């Protein structure tokens, strides 16, 4: 019986393309593995960025595991040790390694994974929405483009397709998850039960209107949309330079790390501004009885620049690069491995069905 090897397949061949549910499984696996590996690096990055912000004195701490963000907060501003209090008691962080050592010594090594469990509740569906949307949109645009130029092989993919697909997928995924993240944050801060989620929704809408469900979305998109466009542009560009036979797990790992590092370096100022704005919004909206307008992006940039200069806009660059590189590498290589696995599975099933049909036709012919 004829067999099909994954290394011999065209990943975008219409006959063997993986189904959306298979893309969901591949992206879910990547999200789980990535979260476990990169969470400690992100905790360190955010702690370093937090040192320059006075508003972190006692309430909010923005956590991100490379897949999505989560505002960790103390109920009524009292439970747990605040960021400023920790720094005062344990000294100033002098770098990535220094911060990791101090956090492990004073809070326990497990604290490097703080916020992992509650964040995974939304990180997994957000990652699934992002990667599945990207793949579906990329393939759709690619097919439309090749049909327009009468390319029957469906292999041509201009540079703008991954940029458009990545940006659109990020906007969609972030917009979808934003209301759920806000509700979960309020539930955590106010100690609401899941049965009271409807009341939490009403509170947010009464104070800010329906648009209040998407508070902080602009700050998220400010960083994530450019990052996605740059990342996918570089990643797909690197893939285009090498034949598919060479694109194994190691290749995807290195390509993902390189593409993520470039995107992270270019967008680090957006990341710093986003950290400041979301923490500020979290404190004002969660702990204030009356809604207060958060600072604009421009005023946040000016404040950071006045306080720390250009260097302030690149705070946390090293830990961000150290985190983003493996995060992107693990996520994309795991996702691509899952794609190839299901691609091979679909192709082999197609071959089996084809051979069965041939066998049936041969038996019918022999019978005649």
Protein backbone atom coordinates (compact mmCIF):
# COMPACT_ATOMS: atom_id res chain seq x y z
CA UNK A 1 0.00 0.00 0.00
CA UNK A 2 1.28 3.44 -0.88
CA UNK A 3 2.27 5.57 2.11
CA UNK A 4 2.76 9.30 2.44
CA UNK A 5 5.54 10.86 4.51
CA UNK A 6 4.97 14.18 6.25
CA UNK A 7 8.31 15.51 4.94
CA UNK A 8 7.06 15.02 1.37
CA UNK A 9 3.84 16.96 1.83
CA UNK A 10 2.99 20.48 0.84
CA UNK A 11 1.62 21.89 4.09
CA UNK A 12 -0.92 23.98 2.20
CA UNK A 13 -1.97 21.28 -0.26
CA UNK A 14 -5.80 21.53 -0.34
CA UNK A 15 -6.07 17.73 -0.29
CA UNK A 16 -4.30 17.29 3.03
CA UNK A 17 -4.87 20.55 4.92
CA UNK A 18 -5.62 20.05 8.57
CA UNK A 19 -9.07 20.80 9.91
CA UNK A 20 -9.78 23.73 12.28
CA UNK A 21 -10.26 21.34 15.23
CA UNK A 22 -6.85 19.83 14.50
CA UNK A 23 -5.34 23.33 14.46
CA UNK A 24 -7.01 23.91 17.83
CA UNK A 25 -5.36 20.81 19.32
CA UNK A 26 -1.95 21.80 17.96
CA UNK A 27 -2.19 25.37 19.29
CA UNK A 28 -3.55 24.23 22.67
CA UNK A 29 -0.56 21.93 23.19
CA UNK A 30 1.79 24.75 22.26
CA UNK A 31 0.11 27.14 24.69
CA UNK A 32 0.46 24.75 27.62
CA UNK A 33 4.11 23.91 26.95
CA UNK A 34 5.03 27.56 26.32
CA UNK A 35 3.36 28.78 29.51
CA UNK A 36 5.25 26.35 31.71
CA UNK A 37 8.64 27.21 30.25
CA UNK A 38 8.47 31.00 29.88
CA UNK A 39 6.40 32.15 32.86
CA UNK A 40 9.46 32.60 35.18
CA UNK A 41 11.19 34.77 32.56
CA UNK A 42 8.15 36.98 32.18
CA UNK A 43 7.68 37.38 35.93
CA UNK A 44 11.24 38.73 36.08
CA UNK A 45 10.66 41.06 33.10
CA UNK A 46 7.55 42.59 34.63
CA UNK A 47 9.23 42.99 38.04
CA UNK A 48 12.06 44.96 36.42
CA UNK A 49 9.62 47.18 34.54
CA UNK A 50 7.57 47.62 37.70
CA UNK A 51 10.47 49.17 39.61
CA UNK A 52 10.16 52.43 37.68
CA UNK A 53 6.42 52.84 38.29
CA UNK A 54 5.29 54.52 41.52
CA UNK A 55 1.66 53.47 41.07
CA UNK A 56 2.61 49.88 41.85
CA UNK A 57 2.95 50.85 45.50
CA UNK A 58 0.26 48.55 46.78
CA UNK A 59 -2.31 47.20 44.39
CA UNK A 60 -1.73 45.82 40.89
CA UNK A 61 0.84 43.71 39.14
CA UNK A 62 0.62 43.05 35.40
CA UNK A 63 1.52 39.46 34.55
CA UNK A 64 2.04 38.04 31.07
CA UNK A 65 3.23 34.58 30.06
CA UNK A 66 4.00 35.38 26.44
CA UNK A 67 0.50 34.43 25.34
CA UNK A 68 -1.72 36.92 27.09
CA UNK A 69 -1.86 39.40 29.99
CA UNK A 70 -3.38 39.21 33.42
CA UNK A 71 -3.68 41.92 36.09
CA UNK A 72 -2.90 40.31 39.45
CA UNK A 73 -4.35 42.33 42.28
CA UNK A 74 -4.62 42.27 46.08
CA UNK A 75 -8.14 42.24 47.44
CA UNK A 76 -8.79 45.70 48.91
CA UNK A 77 -5.10 46.40 48.41
CA UNK A 78 -4.23 44.46 51.58
CA UNK A 79 -3.69 40.80 50.85
CA UNK A 80 -0.19 39.71 49.99
CA UNK A 81 3.02 41.74 49.82
CA UNK A 82 2.95 44.63 47.36
CA UNK A 83 5.57 45.11 44.70
CA UNK A 84 6.96 48.30 46.28
CA UNK A 85 7.01 46.69 49.72
CA UNK A 86 8.90 43.70 48.34
CA UNK A 87 11.51 45.96 46.70
CA UNK A 88 11.90 47.96 49.90
CA UNK A 89 12.42 44.83 51.97
CA UNK A 90 14.70 43.01 49.56
CA UNK A 91 16.56 45.67 47.62
CA UNK A 92 16.62 46.85 44.06
CA UNK A 93 16.86 44.35 41.19
CA UNK A 94 20.13 44.73 39.31
CA UNK A 95 19.29 42.57 36.31
CA UNK A 96 17.56 39.43 35.11
CA UNK A 97 19.65 36.89 37.00
CA UNK A 98 19.71 39.03 40.16
CA UNK A 99 15.93 39.36 40.12
CA UNK A 100 15.42 35.65 39.57
CA UNK A 101 17.73 34.78 42.48
CA UNK A 102 16.14 37.28 44.88
CA UNK A 103 12.59 36.23 44.01
CA UNK A 104 13.49 32.56 44.51
CA UNK A 105 15.26 33.20 47.82
CA UNK A 106 12.67 35.48 49.40
CA UNK A 107 9.41 34.16 47.96
CA UNK A 108 10.29 30.59 47.04
CA UNK A 109 11.07 29.20 43.61
CA UNK A 110 7.39 28.42 43.01
CA UNK A 111 6.68 32.18 42.98
CA UNK A 112 8.41 32.33 39.58
CA UNK A 113 5.27 30.63 38.25
CA UNK A 114 2.87 32.96 40.08
CA UNK A 115 -0.31 33.62 38.14
CA UNK A 116 0.14 30.61 35.86
CA UNK A 117 -3.03 28.72 36.77
CA UNK A 118 -5.59 31.55 36.52
CA UNK A 119 -3.95 32.91 33.38
CA UNK A 120 -4.12 29.56 31.59
CA UNK A 121 -7.90 29.73 31.88
CA UNK A 122 -7.86 32.46 29.25
CA UNK A 123 -4.42 31.97 27.70
CA UNK A 124 -5.34 28.66 26.10
CA UNK A 125 -8.55 29.83 24.35
CA UNK A 126 -6.87 33.13 23.38
CA UNK A 127 -3.94 31.28 21.80
CA UNK A 128 -6.27 28.88 20.01
CA UNK A 129 -8.29 31.78 18.58
CA UNK A 130 -5.11 33.56 17.49
CA UNK A 131 -3.32 30.69 15.75
CA UNK A 132 -6.40 29.15 14.15
CA UNK A 133 -7.52 32.57 12.88
CA UNK A 134 -4.05 33.24 11.49
CA UNK A 135 -3.85 29.92 9.65
CA UNK A 136 -7.37 30.15 8.23
CA UNK A 137 -6.93 33.73 7.06
CA UNK A 138 -3.42 33.12 5.65
CA UNK A 139 -4.59 30.12 3.61
CA UNK A 140 -7.69 32.00 2.42
CA UNK A 141 -5.67 35.00 1.24
CA UNK A 142 -3.05 32.74 -0.32
CA UNK A 143 -5.67 30.77 -2.26
CA UNK A 144 -7.36 33.96 -3.46
CA UNK A 145 -4.01 35.39 -4.59
CA UNK A 146 -2.97 32.23 -6.45
CA UNK A 147 -6.36 31.96 -8.07
CA UNK A 148 -6.07 35.53 -9.30
CA UNK A 149 -2.67 34.88 -10.88
CA UNK A 150 -3.77 31.44 -12.16
CA UNK A 151 -1.18 29.55 -10.11
CA UNK A 152 -2.49 25.97 -9.94
CA UNK A 153 0.20 24.88 -7.45
CA UNK A 154 -1.04 27.30 -4.76
CA UNK A 155 2.54 27.85 -3.54
CA UNK A 156 3.00 31.56 -4.10
CA UNK A 157 2.66 33.70 -0.94
CA UNK A 158 3.57 37.42 -1.13
CA UNK A 159 5.10 39.11 1.93
CA UNK A 160 1.96 41.06 2.84
CA UNK A 161 -0.23 37.99 3.46
CA UNK A 162 1.37 36.87 6.78
CA UNK A 163 1.46 40.50 7.95
CA UNK A 164 -2.25 41.05 7.27
CA UNK A 165 -3.23 37.63 8.62
CA UNK A 166 -1.13 38.03 11.78
CA UNK A 167 -2.39 41.54 12.57
CA UNK A 168 -6.02 40.64 11.93
CA UNK A 169 -5.80 37.46 13.99
CA UNK A 170 -4.27 39.37 16.91
CA UNK A 171 -6.99 42.04 16.82
CA UNK A 172 -9.69 39.37 16.75
CA UNK A 173 -8.18 37.25 19.54
CA UNK A 174 -7.47 40.22 21.83
CA UNK A 175 -10.94 41.68 21.28
CA UNK A 176 -12.59 38.33 21.97
CA UNK A 177 -10.79 37.74 25.27
CA UNK A 178 -10.71 41.31 26.63
CA UNK A 179 -14.21 41.29 28.25
CA UNK A 180 -13.57 37.89 29.86
CA UNK A 181 -10.25 39.09 31.26
CA UNK A 182 -11.86 42.21 32.74
CA UNK A 183 -14.67 40.20 34.36
CA UNK A 184 -12.24 37.66 35.81
CA UNK A 185 -10.05 40.44 37.22
CA UNK A 186 -13.02 42.09 38.93
CA UNK A 187 -14.20 38.74 40.29
CA UNK A 188 -10.77 38.14 41.77
CA UNK A 189 -10.42 41.60 43.30
CA UNK A 190 -13.94 41.70 44.74
CA UNK A 191 -14.06 38.01 45.75
CA UNK A 192 -17.14 37.36 43.63
CA UNK A 193 -18.36 33.84 43.04
CA UNK A 194 -19.00 32.51 39.55
CA UNK A 195 -22.73 32.79 40.28
CA UNK A 196 -22.31 36.57 40.59
CA UNK A 197 -20.71 37.04 37.19
CA UNK A 198 -23.91 38.61 35.83
CA UNK A 199 -23.79 41.26 38.53
CA UNK A 200 -20.15 41.96 37.72
CA UNK A 201 -21.13 42.51 34.10
CA UNK A 202 -23.88 44.93 35.08
CA UNK A 203 -21.50 46.88 37.31
CA UNK A 204 -18.98 47.36 34.53
CA UNK A 205 -21.64 48.38 32.00
CA UNK A 206 -23.34 50.79 34.43
CA UNK A 207 -20.07 52.58 35.16
CA UNK A 208 -18.55 52.66 31.70
CA UNK A 209 -21.18 51.52 29.21
CA UNK A 210 -20.78 48.53 26.91
CA UNK A 211 -17.38 49.83 25.79
CA UNK A 212 -16.19 49.36 29.37
CA UNK A 213 -15.95 45.63 28.68
CA UNK A 214 -13.01 46.39 26.41
CA UNK A 215 -11.10 48.65 28.81
CA UNK A 216 -7.37 48.47 28.15
CA UNK A 217 -7.78 46.88 24.71
CA UNK A 218 -6.12 49.79 22.91
CA UNK A 219 -3.03 49.42 25.11
CA UNK A 220 -2.88 45.73 24.29
CA UNK A 221 -3.26 46.25 20.55
CA UNK A 222 -0.63 49.01 20.59
CA UNK A 223 2.04 46.38 21.20
CA UNK A 224 0.55 43.13 19.97
CA UNK A 225 -0.57 44.15 16.47
CA UNK A 226 2.87 45.48 15.37
CA UNK A 227 4.53 42.50 17.06
CA UNK A 228 2.33 40.01 15.19
CA UNK A 229 2.85 41.73 11.83
CA UNK A 230 6.64 41.82 12.24
CA UNK A 231 6.83 38.29 13.67
CA UNK A 232 4.85 36.54 10.93
CA UNK A 233 6.54 38.58 8.20
CA UNK A 234 9.95 37.37 9.39
CA UNK A 235 8.88 33.81 10.16
CA UNK A 236 7.18 33.17 6.83
CA UNK A 237 10.05 34.95 5.07
CA UNK A 238 12.61 32.62 6.65
CA UNK A 239 10.52 29.58 5.71
CA UNK A 240 10.36 30.80 2.14
CA UNK A 241 14.18 30.79 1.91
CA UNK A 242 14.46 27.04 2.62
CA UNK A 243 12.87 23.97 1.00
CA UNK A 244 10.11 22.22 2.92
CA UNK A 245 12.26 19.11 3.31
CA UNK A 246 14.53 21.08 5.69
CA UNK A 247 11.72 22.56 7.76
CA UNK A 248 11.77 20.18 10.71
CA UNK A 249 11.20 20.83 14.43
CA UNK A 250 14.68 22.33 14.95
CA UNK A 251 14.26 24.61 11.93
CA UNK A 252 10.91 25.93 13.19
CA UNK A 253 12.37 26.37 16.69
CA UNK A 254 15.28 28.52 15.49
CA UNK A 255 13.11 30.45 13.01
CA UNK A 256 10.54 31.20 15.70
CA UNK A 257 13.20 32.36 18.16
CA UNK A 258 14.84 34.65 15.60
CA UNK A 259 11.56 36.12 14.36
CA UNK A 260 10.29 36.67 17.89
CA UNK A 261 13.52 38.37 18.97
CA UNK A 262 13.38 40.84 16.09
CA UNK A 263 9.74 41.67 16.76
CA UNK A 264 10.36 41.98 20.52
CA UNK A 265 13.28 44.36 20.06
CA UNK A 266 11.33 46.66 17.73
CA UNK A 267 8.22 46.74 19.92
CA UNK A 268 9.80 46.93 23.42
CA UNK A 269 8.81 50.62 23.90
CA UNK A 270 5.18 49.63 23.21
CA UNK A 271 5.52 46.85 25.78
CA UNK A 272 6.75 49.25 28.48
CA UNK A 273 3.95 51.75 27.75
CA UNK A 274 1.40 48.93 27.73
CA UNK A 275 2.60 47.68 31.13
CA UNK A 276 2.24 51.13 32.67
CA UNK A 277 -1.17 51.85 31.14
CA UNK A 278 -2.75 48.51 32.03
CA UNK A 279 -1.53 48.62 35.61
CA UNK A 280 -2.80 52.19 35.93
CA UNK A 281 -6.16 51.27 34.43
CA UNK A 282 -6.36 48.20 36.63
CA UNK A 283 -5.87 50.25 39.79
CA UNK A 284 -8.24 53.04 38.79
CA UNK A 285 -11.03 50.80 37.52
CA UNK A 286 -10.79 47.95 40.03
CA UNK A 287 -10.20 49.87 43.25
CA UNK A 288 -12.10 53.07 42.60
CA UNK A 289 -15.81 53.43 43.24
CA UNK A 290 -16.13 56.00 40.47
CA UNK A 291 -14.65 55.55 37.00
CA UNK A 292 -11.51 57.56 36.33
CA UNK A 293 -9.91 58.26 33.00
CA UNK A 294 -6.52 56.63 32.59
CA UNK A 295 -3.57 58.44 31.07
CA UNK A 296 -3.29 58.47 27.29
CA UNK A 297 -0.56 56.58 25.46
CA UNK A 298 1.24 59.80 24.56
CA UNK A 299 1.19 61.16 28.11
CA UNK A 300 2.48 57.81 29.39
CA UNK A 301 5.38 57.94 26.92
CA UNK A 302 6.19 61.52 27.98
CA UNK A 303 6.10 60.59 31.66
CA UNK A 304 8.41 57.61 31.19
CA UNK A 305 10.78 59.70 29.06
CA UNK A 306 10.87 62.55 31.62
CA UNK A 307 11.53 60.12 34.46
CA UNK A 308 14.07 57.78 32.85
CA UNK A 309 14.91 59.09 29.37
CA UNK A 310 15.09 56.88 26.29
CA UNK A 311 16.50 54.11 28.46
CA UNK A 312 13.21 53.99 30.33
CA UNK A 313 11.34 53.03 27.14
CA UNK A 314 13.62 50.00 26.81
CA UNK A 315 13.27 48.82 30.42
CA UNK A 316 13.16 45.03 30.61
CA UNK A 317 14.61 44.53 27.12
CA UNK A 318 16.97 41.71 28.12
CA UNK A 319 14.41 39.60 30.02
CA UNK A 320 11.83 40.32 27.29
CA UNK A 321 14.20 38.99 24.64
CA UNK A 322 15.17 36.06 26.86
CA UNK A 323 11.47 35.29 27.32
CA UNK A 324 10.08 36.01 23.88
CA UNK A 325 12.72 34.05 21.97
CA UNK A 326 12.01 30.68 23.66
CA UNK A 327 8.28 31.46 23.90
CA UNK A 328 7.99 32.01 20.16
CA UNK A 329 10.34 29.11 19.45
CA UNK A 330 8.43 26.62 21.61
CA UNK A 331 4.99 27.81 20.49
CA UNK A 332 5.62 27.82 16.74
CA UNK A 333 7.69 24.62 16.65
CA UNK A 334 5.06 22.77 18.69
CA UNK A 335 2.29 24.18 16.52
CA UNK A 336 4.09 23.30 13.28
CA UNK A 337 4.85 19.81 14.59
CA UNK A 338 1.16 19.34 15.34
CA UNK A 339 0.28 20.58 11.86
CA UNK A 340 2.65 18.11 10.24
CA UNK A 341 1.34 15.28 12.41
CA UNK A 342 -2.26 15.90 11.40
CA UNK A 343 -1.21 16.61 7.81
CA UNK A 344 0.42 13.19 7.61
CA UNK A 345 -2.60 11.63 9.32
CA UNK A 346 -5.01 13.20 6.83
CA UNK A 347 -2.84 12.22 3.86
CA UNK A 348 -2.52 8.62 5.00
CA UNK A 349 -6.27 8.40 5.51
CA UNK A 350 -6.78 9.76 2.00
CA UNK A 351 -4.36 7.18 0.59
CA UNK A 352 -6.13 4.35 2.44
CA UNK A 353 -9.51 5.49 1.11
CA UNK A 354 -8.10 5.78 -2.40
CA UNK A 355 -6.59 2.28 -2.25
CA UNK A 356 -9.88 0.87 -0.97
CA UNK A 357 -11.68 2.46 -3.88
CA UNK A 358 -9.11 1.08 -6.35
CA UNK A 359 -9.42 -2.37 -4.77
CA UNK A 360 -13.20 -2.20 -5.04
CA UNK A 361 -12.99 -1.16 -8.70
CA UNK A 362 -10.54 -4.02 -9.41
CA UNK A 363 -12.84 -6.55 -7.73
CA UNK A 364 -15.78 -5.21 -9.69
CA UNK A 365 -13.76 -5.45 -12.91
CA UNK A 366 -12.64 -9.03 -12.13
CA UNK A 367 -16.21 -9.97 -11.40
CA UNK A 368 -17.26 -8.79 -14.82
